[in-house]
């Protein structure tokens, strides 16, 4: 079972979603308030099974939000962003070297996020 870990950072709070084996699946950007961070976690849970839009290949019309966007990263790999219904980025992945691994990370969110425990500290 996955878990969200919330950490205090220099100017606010951020979260990581971890799989049952402790590996980080997705991370957030920084939030100024704890309640905003916790709200984003609830939206990740709600959007965990959103469709995937692969922006590394030519696609027709963009999918509506919420969705996962798979993209080339500026570090030469592949990564994803999870966007909520308004298009705001809720979480992002690490830099993957293979698209297959990136898509596995997205599947892991669908498996781990909906019932994940939230640990603040």
C-alpha atoms as a PDB file:
ATOM      1  CA  UNK A   1       0.000   0.000   0.000  1.00  0.00           C
ATOM      2  CA  UNK A   2       1.292   3.437  -0.913  1.00  0.00           C
ATOM      3  CA  UNK A   3       1.638   6.472   1.282  1.00  0.00           C
ATOM      4  CA  UNK A   4       1.908  10.212   0.905  1.00  0.00           C
ATOM      5  CA  UNK A   5       4.649  11.757   3.014  1.00  0.00           C
ATOM      6  CA  UNK A   6       4.397  15.485   3.669  1.00  0.00           C
ATOM      7  CA  UNK A   7       7.587  17.347   4.515  1.00  0.00           C
ATOM      8  CA  UNK A   8       8.266  20.849   5.690  1.00  0.00           C
ATOM      9  CA  UNK A   9      10.685  22.531   3.307  1.00  0.00           C
ATOM     10  CA  UNK A  10      12.419  25.881   3.481  1.00  0.00           C
ATOM     11  CA  UNK A  11       9.403  28.026   2.538  1.00  0.00           C
ATOM     12  CA  UNK A  12       6.456  25.650   2.972  1.00  0.00           C
ATOM     13  CA  UNK A  13       5.429  22.034   2.371  1.00  0.00           C
ATOM     14  CA  UNK A  14       5.695  19.376  -0.309  1.00  0.00           C
ATOM     15  CA  UNK A  15       4.670  15.738  -0.656  1.00  0.00           C
ATOM     16  CA  UNK A  16       5.993  12.535  -2.143  1.00  0.00           C
ATOM     17  CA  UNK A  17       3.812   9.578  -3.088  1.00  0.00           C
ATOM     18  CA  UNK A  18       5.669   6.383  -2.242  1.00  0.00           C
ATOM     19  CA  UNK A  19       4.862   2.839  -3.352  1.00  0.00           C
ATOM     20  CA  UNK A  20       4.649   0.014  -0.831  1.00  0.00           C
ATOM     21  CA  UNK A  21       8.363  -0.682  -1.376  1.00  0.00           C
ATOM     22  CA  UNK A  22       9.222   2.908  -0.366  1.00  0.00           C
ATOM     23  CA  UNK A  23      10.171   4.074  -3.861  1.00  0.00           C
ATOM     24  CA  UNK A  24       8.993   7.590  -4.759  1.00  0.00           C
ATOM     25  CA  UNK A  25       6.414   7.500  -7.562  1.00  0.00           C
ATOM     26  CA  UNK A  26       5.569  11.212  -7.774  1.00  0.00           C
ATOM     27  CA  UNK A  27       6.365  14.479  -6.024  1.00  0.00           C
ATOM     28  CA  UNK A  28       4.746  17.869  -5.673  1.00  0.00           C
ATOM     29  CA  UNK A  29       6.055  21.355  -6.004  1.00  0.00           C
ATOM     30  CA  UNK A  30       6.166  23.506  -2.872  1.00  0.00           C
ATOM     31  CA  UNK A  31       3.013  24.795  -1.161  1.00  0.00           C
ATOM     32  CA  UNK A  32       3.073  27.756   1.226  1.00  0.00           C
ATOM     33  CA  UNK A  33       0.369  26.264   3.473  1.00  0.00           C
ATOM     34  CA  UNK A  34      -0.058  22.741   4.842  1.00  0.00           C
ATOM     35  CA  UNK A  35      -3.784  22.775   3.984  1.00  0.00           C
ATOM     36  CA  UNK A  36      -2.968  23.511   0.315  1.00  0.00           C
ATOM     37  CA  UNK A  37      -0.572  20.555   0.275  1.00  0.00           C
ATOM     38  CA  UNK A  38      -3.194  18.266   1.821  1.00  0.00           C
ATOM     39  CA  UNK A  39      -5.799  19.511  -0.663  1.00  0.00           C
ATOM     40  CA  UNK A  40      -3.464  18.646  -3.552  1.00  0.00           C
ATOM     41  CA  UNK A  41      -3.039  15.129  -2.141  1.00  0.00           C
ATOM     42  CA  UNK A  42      -6.817  14.661  -2.164  1.00  0.00           C
ATOM     43  CA  UNK A  43      -6.935  15.813  -5.794  1.00  0.00           C
ATOM     44  CA  UNK A  44      -4.137  13.364  -6.714  1.00  0.00           C
ATOM     45  CA  UNK A  45      -6.204  10.590  -5.158  1.00  0.00           C
ATOM     46  CA  UNK A  46      -9.251  11.701  -7.171  1.00  0.00           C
ATOM     47  CA  UNK A  47      -7.278  11.971 -10.445  1.00  0.00           C
ATOM     48  CA  UNK A  48      -5.188   8.812 -10.002  1.00  0.00           C
ATOM     49  CA  UNK A  49      -6.875   7.010 -12.887  1.00  0.00           C
ATOM     50  CA  UNK A  50      -6.893   9.939 -15.331  1.00  0.00           C
ATOM     51  CA  UNK A  51      -6.140   9.209 -18.988  1.00  0.00           C
ATOM     52  CA  UNK A  52      -2.615   9.494 -20.390  1.00  0.00           C
ATOM     53  CA  UNK A  53      -1.693  11.961 -23.129  1.00  0.00           C
ATOM     54  CA  UNK A  54       1.643  11.036 -24.705  1.00  0.00           C
ATOM     55  CA  UNK A  55       3.167  14.315 -25.816  1.00  0.00           C
ATOM     56  CA  UNK A  56       6.325  12.577 -27.038  1.00  0.00           C
ATOM     57  CA  UNK A  57       4.496  11.591 -30.221  1.00  0.00           C
ATOM     58  CA  UNK A  58       2.175  13.541 -32.488  1.00  0.00           C
ATOM     59  CA  UNK A  59      -1.338  13.434 -31.127  1.00  0.00           C
ATOM     60  CA  UNK A  60      -4.519  14.971 -32.433  1.00  0.00           C
ATOM     61  CA  UNK A  61      -6.664  17.030 -30.122  1.00  0.00           C
ATOM     62  CA  UNK A  62      -5.357  17.340 -26.564  1.00  0.00           C
ATOM     63  CA  UNK A  63      -7.269  15.340 -23.958  1.00  0.00           C
ATOM     64  CA  UNK A  64      -9.376  17.287 -21.465  1.00  0.00           C
ATOM     65  CA  UNK A  65      -8.190  17.676 -17.882  1.00  0.00           C
ATOM     66  CA  UNK A  66      -7.604  15.817 -15.597  1.00  0.00           C
ATOM     67  CA  UNK A  67      -4.845  13.874 -17.322  1.00  0.00           C
ATOM     68  CA  UNK A  68      -1.295  12.634 -17.145  1.00  0.00           C
ATOM     69  CA  UNK A  69       1.017  14.300 -19.658  1.00  0.00           C
ATOM     70  CA  UNK A  70       4.018  12.220 -20.733  1.00  0.00           C
ATOM     71  CA  UNK A  71       6.806  14.449 -22.077  1.00  0.00           C
ATOM     72  CA  UNK A  72      10.459  14.642 -22.951  1.00  0.00           C
ATOM     73  CA  UNK A  73      12.301  16.332 -20.098  1.00  0.00           C
ATOM     74  CA  UNK A  74      14.974  18.990 -20.281  1.00  0.00           C
ATOM     75  CA  UNK A  75      17.367  16.400 -18.827  1.00  0.00           C
ATOM     76  CA  UNK A  76      17.052  14.165 -21.884  1.00  0.00           C
ATOM     77  CA  UNK A  77      14.614  11.615 -20.477  1.00  0.00           C
ATOM     78  CA  UNK A  78      10.890  11.045 -20.163  1.00  0.00           C
ATOM     79  CA  UNK A  79       8.617  12.205 -17.351  1.00  0.00           C
ATOM     80  CA  UNK A  80       4.996  12.864 -16.505  1.00  0.00           C
ATOM     81  CA  UNK A  81       2.857  15.574 -14.981  1.00  0.00           C
ATOM     82  CA  UNK A  82      -0.520  14.905 -13.375  1.00  0.00           C
ATOM     83  CA  UNK A  83      -2.895  17.814 -14.004  1.00  0.00           C
ATOM     84  CA  UNK A  84      -6.211  18.292 -12.212  1.00  0.00           C
ATOM     85  CA  UNK A  85      -9.534  19.339 -13.724  1.00  0.00           C
ATOM     86  CA  UNK A  86      -8.412  22.980 -13.973  1.00  0.00           C
ATOM     87  CA  UNK A  87      -5.083  22.090 -15.597  1.00  0.00           C
ATOM     88  CA  UNK A  88      -2.957  22.804 -12.506  1.00  0.00           C
ATOM     89  CA  UNK A  89       0.019  20.476 -11.989  1.00  0.00           C
ATOM     90  CA  UNK A  90      -0.602  18.300  -8.925  1.00  0.00           C
ATOM     91  CA  UNK A  91       2.428  16.025  -9.117  1.00  0.00           C
ATOM     92  CA  UNK A  92       5.329  15.145 -11.361  1.00  0.00           C
ATOM     93  CA  UNK A  93       7.641  12.214 -11.840  1.00  0.00           C
ATOM     94  CA  UNK A  94      11.355  11.789 -11.693  1.00  0.00           C
ATOM     95  CA  UNK A  95      13.330  11.677 -14.927  1.00  0.00           C
ATOM     96  CA  UNK A  96      12.957   8.228 -16.531  1.00  0.00           C
ATOM     97  CA  UNK A  97      15.265   6.863 -19.209  1.00  0.00           C
ATOM     98  CA  UNK A  98      12.548   4.726 -20.836  1.00  0.00           C
ATOM     99  CA  UNK A  99       8.923   5.502 -21.664  1.00  0.00           C
ATOM    100  CA  UNK A 100       7.960   2.013 -20.469  1.00  0.00           C
ATOM    101  CA  UNK A 101       9.192   2.883 -16.967  1.00  0.00           C
ATOM    102  CA  UNK A 102       7.382   6.231 -17.019  1.00  0.00           C
ATOM    103  CA  UNK A 103       4.093   4.528 -17.933  1.00  0.00           C
ATOM    104  CA  UNK A 104       4.678   1.992 -15.156  1.00  0.00           C
ATOM    105  CA  UNK A 105       5.017   4.940 -12.745  1.00  0.00           C
ATOM    106  CA  UNK A 106       1.632   6.247 -13.879  1.00  0.00           C
ATOM    107  CA  UNK A 107       0.067   2.799 -13.362  1.00  0.00           C
ATOM    108  CA  UNK A 108       1.621   2.732  -9.907  1.00  0.00           C
ATOM    109  CA  UNK A 109      -0.159   5.981  -9.024  1.00  0.00           C
ATOM    110  CA  UNK A 110      -3.491   4.415 -10.001  1.00  0.00           C
ATOM    111  CA  UNK A 111      -2.675   1.425  -7.775  1.00  0.00           C
ATOM    112  CA  UNK A 112      -1.227   3.292  -4.787  1.00  0.00           C
ATOM    113  CA  UNK A 113      -2.727   6.779  -4.509  1.00  0.00           C
ATOM    114  CA  UNK A 114      -6.482   6.247  -3.993  1.00  0.00           C
ATOM    115  CA  UNK A 115      -6.170   4.521  -0.597  1.00  0.00           C
ATOM    116  CA  UNK A 116      -2.752   5.819   0.415  1.00  0.00           C
ATOM    117  CA  UNK A 117      -2.188   6.913   3.983  1.00  0.00           C
ATOM    118  CA  UNK A 118      -1.104  10.541   4.503  1.00  0.00           C
ATOM    119  CA  UNK A 119       1.813  10.994   6.883  1.00  0.00           C
ATOM    120  CA  UNK A 120       2.670  14.508   8.025  1.00  0.00           C
ATOM    121  CA  UNK A 121       5.702  15.302  10.037  1.00  0.00           C
END
